[in-house]
Amino acid sequence: MITTLWKRLKQKATKLKAILRPVPPRRVPPNPPRSQQDIVDEFHKLFYQTGLLSGHGTWMDTYWLGVPLKKCPFDLWIYQELMSELRPDVVVESGTGHGGSALFMASVCDLLGHGRVITIDVEQYEDRPTHERVTYLLGSSTSPNIVAQVRTLVRDEDTVLVLLDSDHSKEHVLRELEIYGQFVTIGSYIIVEDTNIHGHPVLPEHPPGPMEAVEEFLQDNSSFVVDRTREKFYLTHNPKGYLRRTA
């Protein structure tokens, strides 16, 4: 009787131990590895939106010799590399703003001992810097009057580099590409700025803009190719916006 009772107690104790045995923690699968582009895009959003939402900081708080230019410093570095390689006779810029980028490129021309800048804007800023290498034109970059003025300032033999940074609507940028692509010499570039908007990867709410203009332009124009080697610093406000003329 006692032996039988003891066996039953041992059996219950064994079952109780099994019930109370600590359960090993469930292995949580690690997060899937993030691609390099995912990491770049996340930093891009942080960098861009910090400046945009606050109105200062990062690219919104960038100056050249005290003059604001509101561009990504990595892109500015690429610009001087291109100018050193190409030694352009003329740099045509649409979208002058405060004149900081025109002054930046004129300063590079000073260092190279060669070149001049034509910059176009629909607005007049009284505090824009003066420089002997910079010519300011007031008006729309696509207006016949402004285009005619640019033609008189650019000689047939000039090596020409073009930067587009004015109205960011797709229609306007596409028209600029059609007009100013004709000025770009073979081997040189037309740089379409701010192709990052409309979700590439910032400002997804922005209507179709520079990136979409580039895509449509390239469908009908085989004389230009996207040069992604100019995005070597990963962060650029001009993804797929460095267009090199090949023919």
C-alpha atoms as a PDB file:
ATOM      1  CA  MET A   1       0.000   0.000   0.000  1.00  0.00           C
ATOM      2  CA  ILE A   2       2.719   2.446   1.001  1.00  0.00           C
ATOM      3  CA  THR A   3       4.844   1.356  -1.962  1.00  0.00           C
ATOM      4  CA  THR A   4       1.986   1.976  -4.386  1.00  0.00           C
ATOM      5  CA  LEU A   5       1.299   5.396  -2.905  1.00  0.00           C
ATOM      6  CA  TRP A   6       4.980   6.307  -3.152  1.00  0.00           C
ATOM      7  CA  LYS A   7       5.067   5.337  -6.829  1.00  0.00           C
ATOM      8  CA  ARG A   8       2.050   7.540  -7.536  1.00  0.00           C
ATOM      9  CA  LEU A   9       3.632  10.497  -5.739  1.00  0.00           C
ATOM     10  CA  LYS A  10       6.838  10.061  -7.754  1.00  0.00           C
ATOM     11  CA  GLN A  11       4.852   9.976 -10.982  1.00  0.00           C
ATOM     12  CA  LYS A  12       2.999  13.189 -10.061  1.00  0.00           C
ATOM     13  CA  ALA A  13       6.283  14.865  -9.075  1.00  0.00           C
ATOM     14  CA  THR A  14       7.789  13.912 -12.436  1.00  0.00           C
ATOM     15  CA  LYS A  15       4.775  15.352 -14.284  1.00  0.00           C
ATOM     16  CA  LEU A  16       4.940  18.539 -12.187  1.00  0.00           C
ATOM     17  CA  LYS A  17       8.627  19.008 -12.970  1.00  0.00           C
ATOM     18  CA  ALA A  18       7.852  18.651 -16.647  1.00  0.00           C
ATOM     19  CA  ILE A  19       5.166  21.302 -16.386  1.00  0.00           C
ATOM     20  CA  LEU A  20       7.370  23.699 -14.404  1.00  0.00           C
ATOM     21  CA  ARG A  21      10.494  23.194 -16.544  1.00  0.00           C
ATOM     22  CA  PRO A  22      11.649  26.609 -17.884  1.00  0.00           C
ATOM     23  CA  VAL A  23      10.688  27.128 -21.506  1.00  0.00           C
ATOM     24  CA  PRO A  24      13.678  28.218 -23.579  1.00  0.00           C
ATOM     25  CA  PRO A  25      13.184  31.632 -25.117  1.00  0.00           C
ATOM     26  CA  ARG A  26      11.801  31.559 -28.626  1.00  0.00           C
ATOM     27  CA  ARG A  27      14.370  32.533 -31.174  1.00  0.00           C
ATOM     28  CA  VAL A  28      13.347  35.707 -32.931  1.00  0.00           C
ATOM     29  CA  PRO A  29      14.595  35.715 -36.499  1.00  0.00           C
ATOM     30  CA  PRO A  30      16.980  38.590 -37.104  1.00  0.00           C
ATOM     31  CA  ASN A  31      15.826  41.549 -39.147  1.00  0.00           C
ATOM     32  CA  PRO A  32      16.434  40.967 -42.829  1.00  0.00           C
ATOM     33  CA  PRO A  33      19.644  42.608 -43.954  1.00  0.00           C
ATOM     34  CA  ARG A  34      19.101  46.112 -45.318  1.00  0.00           C
ATOM     35  CA  SER A  35      20.446  46.891 -48.726  1.00  0.00           C
ATOM     36  CA  GLN A  36      23.058  49.556 -49.236  1.00  0.00           C
ATOM     37  CA  GLN A  37      20.501  51.647 -51.120  1.00  0.00           C
ATOM     38  CA  ASP A  38      18.043  51.410 -48.217  1.00  0.00           C
ATOM     39  CA  ILE A  39      20.674  52.866 -45.900  1.00  0.00           C
ATOM     40  CA  VAL A  40      21.556  55.620 -48.357  1.00  0.00           C
ATOM     41  CA  ASP A  41      17.881  56.508 -48.839  1.00  0.00           C
ATOM     42  CA  GLU A  42      17.224  56.714 -45.097  1.00  0.00           C
ATOM     43  CA  PHE A  43      20.160  59.069 -44.577  1.00  0.00           C
ATOM     44  CA  HIS A  44      19.110  61.041 -47.657  1.00  0.00           C
ATOM     45  CA  LYS A  45      15.657  61.591 -46.144  1.00  0.00           C
ATOM     46  CA  LEU A  46      17.150  62.636 -42.805  1.00  0.00           C
ATOM     47  CA  PHE A  47      19.602  65.049 -44.453  1.00  0.00           C
ATOM     48  CA  TYR A  48      17.046  66.575 -46.810  1.00  0.00           C
ATOM     49  CA  GLN A  49      14.045  66.808 -44.531  1.00  0.00           C
ATOM     50  CA  THR A  50      16.026  68.202 -41.596  1.00  0.00           C
ATOM     51  CA  GLY A  51      16.880  71.232 -43.699  1.00  0.00           C
ATOM     52  CA  LEU A  52      13.519  71.505 -45.421  1.00  0.00           C
ATOM     53  CA  LEU A  53      11.272  71.214 -42.369  1.00  0.00           C
ATOM     54  CA  SER A  54      13.298  73.478 -40.118  1.00  0.00           C
ATOM     55  CA  GLY A  55      14.272  75.973 -42.796  1.00  0.00           C
ATOM     56  CA  HIS A  56      17.880  75.788 -41.674  1.00  0.00           C
ATOM     57  CA  GLY A  57      20.588  73.213 -41.124  1.00  0.00           C
ATOM     58  CA  THR A  58      22.139  70.698 -43.539  1.00  0.00           C
ATOM     59  CA  TRP A  59      21.726  71.795 -47.179  1.00  0.00           C
ATOM     60  CA  MET A  60      19.459  74.746 -46.351  1.00  0.00           C
ATOM     61  CA  ASP A  61      22.277  76.275 -44.347  1.00  0.00           C
ATOM     62  CA  THR A  62      25.098  75.975 -46.893  1.00  0.00           C
ATOM     63  CA  TYR A  63      27.186  78.980 -47.963  1.00  0.00           C
ATOM     64  CA  TRP A  64      30.019  79.794 -50.331  1.00  0.00           C
ATOM     65  CA  LEU A  65      32.096  82.767 -49.183  1.00  0.00           C
ATOM     66  CA  GLY A  66      29.145  83.897 -47.084  1.00  0.00           C
ATOM     67  CA  VAL A  67      26.559  83.633 -49.885  1.00  0.00           C
ATOM     68  CA  PRO A  68      23.771  81.015 -49.535  1.00  0.00           C
ATOM     69  CA  LEU A  69      23.540  78.383 -52.227  1.00  0.00           C
ATOM     70  CA  LYS A  70      21.283  75.655 -50.734  1.00  0.00           C
ATOM     71  CA  LYS A  71      22.816  72.627 -52.397  1.00  0.00           C
ATOM     72  CA  CYS A  72      24.266  69.326 -51.282  1.00  0.00           C
ATOM     73  CA  PRO A  73      27.999  69.844 -50.616  1.00  0.00           C
ATOM     74  CA  PHE A  74      28.783  66.470 -52.204  1.00  0.00           C
ATOM     75  CA  ASP A  75      27.255  67.693 -55.478  1.00  0.00           C
ATOM     76  CA  LEU A  76      29.252  70.912 -55.310  1.00  0.00           C
ATOM     77  CA  TRP A  77      32.420  68.841 -54.996  1.00  0.00           C
ATOM     78  CA  ILE A  78      31.434  66.894 -58.120  1.00  0.00           C
ATOM     79  CA  TYR A  79      30.829  70.180 -59.963  1.00  0.00           C
ATOM     80  CA  GLN A  80      34.373  71.355 -59.345  1.00  0.00           C
ATOM     81  CA  GLU A  81      35.710  67.960 -60.442  1.00  0.00           C
ATOM     82  CA  LEU A  82      33.763  68.242 -63.693  1.00  0.00           C
ATOM     83  CA  MET A  83      34.964  71.779 -64.256  1.00  0.00           C
ATOM     84  CA  SER A  84      38.555  70.716 -63.665  1.00  0.00           C
ATOM     85  CA  GLU A  85      38.183  67.838 -66.149  1.00  0.00           C
ATOM     86  CA  LEU A  86      36.269  69.723 -68.835  1.00  0.00           C
ATOM     87  CA  ARG A  87      37.731  73.235 -68.502  1.00  0.00           C
ATOM     88  CA  PRO A  88      34.425  74.691 -69.795  1.00  0.00           C
ATOM     89  CA  ASP A  89      34.495  78.037 -71.538  1.00  0.00           C
ATOM     90  CA  VAL A  90      30.946  78.685 -70.333  1.00  0.00           C
ATOM     91  CA  VAL A  91      28.782  77.336 -67.526  1.00  0.00           C
ATOM     92  CA  VAL A  92      25.076  78.047 -68.058  1.00  0.00           C
ATOM     93  CA  GLU A  93      22.939  77.896 -64.921  1.00  0.00           C
ATOM     94  CA  SER A  94      19.171  78.216 -64.676  1.00  0.00           C
ATOM     95  CA  GLY A  95      17.975  79.161 -61.201  1.00  0.00           C
ATOM     96  CA  THR A  96      20.302  81.764 -59.698  1.00  0.00           C
ATOM     97  CA  GLY A  97      18.690  82.233 -56.289  1.00  0.00           C
ATOM     98  CA  HIS A  98      21.007  84.270 -54.097  1.00  0.00           C
ATOM     99  CA  GLY A  99      23.893  83.706 -56.485  1.00  0.00           C
ATOM    100  CA  GLY A 100      25.930  81.400 -54.265  1.00  0.00           C
ATOM    101  CA  SER A 101      26.331  78.632 -56.826  1.00  0.00           C
ATOM    102  CA  ALA A 102      27.237  81.112 -59.578  1.00  0.00           C
ATOM    103  CA  LEU A 103      29.890  82.576 -57.275  1.00  0.00           C
ATOM    104  CA  PHE A 104      31.108  79.075 -56.405  1.00  0.00           C
ATOM    105  CA  MET A 105      31.579  78.182 -60.076  1.00  0.00           C
ATOM    106  CA  ALA A 106      33.166  81.552 -60.824  1.00  0.00           C
ATOM    107  CA  SER A 107      35.620  80.900 -57.990  1.00  0.00           C
ATOM    108  CA  VAL A 108      36.500  77.537 -59.532  1.00  0.00           C
ATOM    109  CA  CYS A 109      37.006  79.331 -62.857  1.00  0.00           C
ATOM    110  CA  ASP A 110      39.362  81.710 -61.061  1.00  0.00           C
ATOM    111  CA  LEU A 111      41.402  78.775 -59.781  1.00  0.00           C
ATOM    112  CA  LEU A 112      41.456  77.221 -63.239  1.00  0.00           C
ATOM    113  CA  GLY A 113      42.261  80.570 -64.822  1.00  0.00           C
ATOM    114  CA  HIS A 114      39.531  79.966 -67.386  1.00  0.00           C
ATOM    115  CA  GLY A 115      35.772  80.105 -67.924  1.00  0.00           C
ATOM    116  CA  ARG A 116      32.721  82.240 -67.212  1.00  0.00           C
ATOM    117  CA  VAL A 117      29.212  81.747 -65.832  1.00  0.00           C
ATOM    118  CA  ILE A 118      25.843  82.744 -67.296  1.00  0.00           C
ATOM    119  CA  THR A 119      23.093  82.434 -64.713  1.00  0.00           C
ATOM    120  CA  ILE A 120      19.347  82.922 -65.244  1.00  0.00           C
ATOM    121  CA  ASP A 121      16.467  83.612 -62.874  1.00  0.00           C
ATOM    122  CA  VAL A 122      12.981  85.086 -62.972  1.00  0.00           C
ATOM    123  CA  GLU A 123      13.619  87.000 -59.734  1.00  0.00           C
ATOM    124  CA  GLN A 124      16.035  89.808 -58.978  1.00  0.00           C
ATOM    125  CA  TYR A 125      17.953  89.770 -55.703  1.00  0.00           C
ATOM    126  CA  GLU A 126      19.669  93.033 -54.804  1.00  0.00           C
ATOM    127  CA  ASP A 127      22.311  91.385 -52.635  1.00  0.00           C
ATOM    128  CA  ARG A 128      23.701  89.011 -55.258  1.00  0.00           C
ATOM    129  CA  PRO A 129      27.502  88.990 -55.414  1.00  0.00           C
ATOM    130  CA  THR A 130      29.296  90.660 -58.291  1.00  0.00           C
ATOM    131  CA  HIS A 131      32.090  88.870 -60.097  1.00  0.00           C
ATOM    132  CA  GLU A 132      33.756  89.635 -63.404  1.00  0.00           C
ATOM    133  CA  ARG A 133      33.164  86.085 -64.621  1.00  0.00           C
ATOM    134  CA  VAL A 134      29.403  86.075 -63.848  1.00  0.00           C
ATOM    135  CA  THR A 135      26.653  87.387 -66.145  1.00  0.00           C
ATOM    136  CA  TYR A 136      23.152  87.612 -64.669  1.00  0.00           C
ATOM    137  CA  LEU A 137      20.115  87.288 -66.949  1.00  0.00           C
ATOM    138  CA  LEU A 138      16.631  88.164 -65.696  1.00  0.00           C
ATOM    139  CA  GLY A 139      13.746  86.132 -67.099  1.00  0.00           C
ATOM    140  CA  SER A 140      12.493  82.594 -67.656  1.00  0.00           C
ATOM    141  CA  SER A 141      15.122  80.156 -68.850  1.00  0.00           C
ATOM    142  CA  THR A 142      12.745  78.893 -71.536  1.00  0.00           C
ATOM    143  CA  SER A 143      11.621  82.265 -72.895  1.00  0.00           C
ATOM    144  CA  PRO A 144      12.735  83.033 -76.465  1.00  0.00           C
ATOM    145  CA  ASN A 145      14.290  86.316 -75.306  1.00  0.00           C
ATOM    146  CA  ILE A 146      16.524  84.649 -72.696  1.00  0.00           C
ATOM    147  CA  VAL A 147      17.487  81.800 -75.033  1.00  0.00           C
ATOM    148  CA  ALA A 148      18.465  84.379 -77.675  1.00  0.00           C
ATOM    149  CA  GLN A 149      20.638  86.209 -75.135  1.00  0.00           C
ATOM    150  CA  VAL A 150      22.383  82.976 -74.193  1.00  0.00           C
ATOM    151  CA  ARG A 151      23.052  82.258 -77.870  1.00  0.00           C
ATOM    152  CA  THR A 152      24.744  85.621 -78.289  1.00  0.00           C
ATOM    153  CA  LEU A 153      26.952  84.949 -75.244  1.00  0.00           C
ATOM    154  CA  VAL A 154      28.027  81.433 -76.244  1.00  0.00           C
ATOM    155  CA  ARG A 155      30.352  80.987 -79.200  1.00  0.00           C
ATOM    156  CA  ASP A 156      30.148  77.960 -81.504  1.00  0.00           C
ATOM    157  CA  GLU A 157      33.597  76.773 -80.402  1.00  0.00           C
ATOM    158  CA  ASP A 158      32.896  77.065 -76.661  1.00  0.00           C
ATOM    159  CA  THR A 159      32.877  74.046 -74.368  1.00  0.00           C
ATOM    160  CA  VAL A 160      29.623  74.353 -72.437  1.00  0.00           C
ATOM    161  CA  LEU A 161      28.463  72.841 -69.137  1.00  0.00           C
ATOM    162  CA  VAL A 162      24.796  73.325 -68.120  1.00  0.00           C
ATOM    163  CA  LEU A 163      23.059  73.148 -64.721  1.00  0.00           C
ATOM    164  CA  LEU A 164      19.265  73.195 -64.403  1.00  0.00           C
ATOM    165  CA  ASP A 165      17.822  74.352 -61.065  1.00  0.00           C
ATOM    166  CA  SER A 166      14.827  76.589 -61.731  1.00  0.00           C
ATOM    167  CA  ASP A 167      11.136  75.605 -61.896  1.00  0.00           C
ATOM    168  CA  HIS A 168      10.959  71.937 -60.855  1.00  0.00           C
ATOM    169  CA  SER A 169       7.806  70.966 -62.732  1.00  0.00           C
ATOM    170  CA  LYS A 170       8.268  68.123 -65.190  1.00  0.00           C
ATOM    171  CA  GLU A 171       7.060  70.213 -68.125  1.00  0.00           C
ATOM    172  CA  HIS A 172       9.463  73.070 -67.447  1.00  0.00           C
ATOM    173  CA  VAL A 173      12.504  70.866 -66.878  1.00  0.00           C
ATOM    174  CA  LEU A 174      11.752  68.862 -70.004  1.00  0.00           C
ATOM    175  CA  ARG A 175      11.577  72.065 -72.034  1.00  0.00           C
ATOM    176  CA  GLU A 176      14.895  73.207 -70.518  1.00  0.00           C
ATOM    177  CA  LEU A 177      16.481  69.882 -71.463  1.00  0.00           C
ATOM    178  CA  GLU A 178      15.267  70.247 -75.033  1.00  0.00           C
ATOM    179  CA  ILE A 179      16.623  73.803 -75.296  1.00  0.00           C
ATOM    180  CA  TYR A 180      19.871  73.683 -73.340  1.00  0.00           C
ATOM    181  CA  GLY A 181      20.820  70.163 -74.362  1.00  0.00           C
ATOM    182  CA  GLN A 182      21.651  71.753 -77.721  1.00  0.00           C
ATOM    183  CA  PHE A 183      24.238  73.992 -76.051  1.00  0.00           C
ATOM    184  CA  VAL A 184      26.100  71.144 -74.347  1.00  0.00           C
ATOM    185  CA  THR A 185      29.230  70.066 -76.181  1.00  0.00           C
ATOM    186  CA  ILE A 186      30.057  66.395 -76.773  1.00  0.00           C
ATOM    187  CA  GLY A 187      31.772  64.981 -73.698  1.00  0.00           C
ATOM    188  CA  SER A 188      30.305  67.648 -71.430  1.00  0.00           C
ATOM    189  CA  TYR A 189      27.241  67.475 -69.192  1.00  0.00           C
ATOM    190  CA  ILE A 190      23.821  68.856 -68.512  1.00  0.00           C
ATOM    191  CA  ILE A 191      23.149  68.440 -64.791  1.00  0.00           C
ATOM    192  CA  VAL A 192      19.506  68.217 -63.774  1.00  0.00           C
ATOM    193  CA  GLU A 193      19.276  69.176 -60.120  1.00  0.00           C
ATOM    194  CA  ASP A 194      16.778  67.937 -57.524  1.00  0.00           C
ATOM    195  CA  THR A 195      15.821  64.737 -59.306  1.00  0.00           C
ATOM    196  CA  ASN A 196      15.434  63.401 -55.755  1.00  0.00           C
ATOM    197  CA  ILE A 197      11.943  64.893 -55.304  1.00  0.00           C
ATOM    198  CA  HIS A 198       8.648  63.106 -56.068  1.00  0.00           C
ATOM    199  CA  GLY A 199       9.798  60.154 -53.952  1.00  0.00           C
ATOM    200  CA  HIS A 200      13.341  59.640 -55.272  1.00  0.00           C
ATOM    201  CA  PRO A 201      13.526  59.315 -52.275  1.00  0.00           C
ATOM    202  CA  VAL A 202      12.206  62.618 -50.810  1.00  0.00           C
ATOM    203  CA  LEU A 203       9.002  64.666 -51.087  1.00  0.00           C
ATOM    204  CA  PRO A 204       6.778  61.902 -52.488  1.00  0.00           C
ATOM    205  CA  GLU A 205       3.863  64.364 -52.425  1.00  0.00           C
ATOM    206  CA  HIS A 206       5.591  66.650 -54.938  1.00  0.00           C
ATOM    207  CA  PRO A 207       4.116  66.406 -58.467  1.00  0.00           C
ATOM    208  CA  PRO A 208       6.213  64.750 -61.191  1.00  0.00           C
ATOM    209  CA  GLY A 209       9.348  66.818 -61.656  1.00  0.00           C
ATOM    210  CA  PRO A 210      12.997  66.680 -62.746  1.00  0.00           C
ATOM    211  CA  MET A 211      13.407  62.886 -62.583  1.00  0.00           C
ATOM    212  CA  GLU A 212      10.354  62.301 -64.740  1.00  0.00           C
ATOM    213  CA  ALA A 213      11.555  64.963 -67.185  1.00  0.00           C
ATOM    214  CA  VAL A 214      14.932  63.201 -67.450  1.00  0.00           C
ATOM    215  CA  GLU A 215      13.272  59.847 -68.091  1.00  0.00           C
ATOM    216  CA  GLU A 216      11.094  61.230 -70.883  1.00  0.00           C
ATOM    217  CA  PHE A 217      13.967  63.220 -72.387  1.00  0.00           C
ATOM    218  CA  LEU A 218      16.197  60.143 -72.589  1.00  0.00           C
ATOM    219  CA  GLN A 219      13.470  58.103 -74.282  1.00  0.00           C
ATOM    220  CA  ASP A 220      13.635  60.407 -77.288  1.00  0.00           C
ATOM    221  CA  ASN A 221      17.273  61.506 -77.116  1.00  0.00           C
ATOM    222  CA  SER A 222      20.084  59.010 -77.514  1.00  0.00           C
ATOM    223  CA  SER A 223      22.772  61.720 -77.472  1.00  0.00           C
ATOM    224  CA  PHE A 224      22.861  61.733 -73.664  1.00  0.00           C
ATOM    225  CA  VAL A 225      23.513  59.011 -71.107  1.00  0.00           C
ATOM    226  CA  VAL A 226      23.190  58.981 -67.315  1.00  0.00           C
ATOM    227  CA  ASP A 227      26.617  58.975 -65.679  1.00  0.00           C
ATOM    228  CA  ARG A 228      26.134  57.423 -62.238  1.00  0.00           C
ATOM    229  CA  THR A 229      29.872  57.528 -61.494  1.00  0.00           C
ATOM    230  CA  ARG A 230      29.190  61.148 -60.520  1.00  0.00           C
ATOM    231  CA  GLU A 231      27.143  59.818 -57.597  1.00  0.00           C
ATOM    232  CA  LYS A 232      30.212  58.241 -55.977  1.00  0.00           C
ATOM    233  CA  PHE A 233      29.574  59.871 -52.581  1.00  0.00           C
ATOM    234  CA  TYR A 234      26.206  58.015 -52.390  1.00  0.00           C
ATOM    235  CA  LEU A 235      24.340  61.119 -51.215  1.00  0.00           C
ATOM    236  CA  THR A 236      23.316  63.374 -54.095  1.00  0.00           C
ATOM    237  CA  HIS A 237      20.344  65.632 -54.708  1.00  0.00           C
ATOM    238  CA  ASN A 238      20.668  64.746 -58.395  1.00  0.00           C
ATOM    239  CA  PRO A 239      20.241  60.955 -58.723  1.00  0.00           C
ATOM    240  CA  LYS A 240      20.351  60.012 -62.420  1.00  0.00           C
ATOM    241  CA  GLY A 241      20.684  63.737 -63.074  1.00  0.00           C
ATOM    242  CA  TYR A 242      24.256  63.826 -64.404  1.00  0.00           C
ATOM    243  CA  LEU A 243      23.704  63.528 -68.160  1.00  0.00           C
ATOM    244  CA  ARG A 244      26.786  63.274 -70.365  1.00  0.00           C
ATOM    245  CA  ARG A 245      26.525  64.090 -74.039  1.00  0.00           C
ATOM    246  CA  THR A 246      28.011  61.347 -76.179  1.00  0.00           C
ATOM    247  CA  ALA A 247      27.013  62.389 -79.702  1.00  0.00           C
END
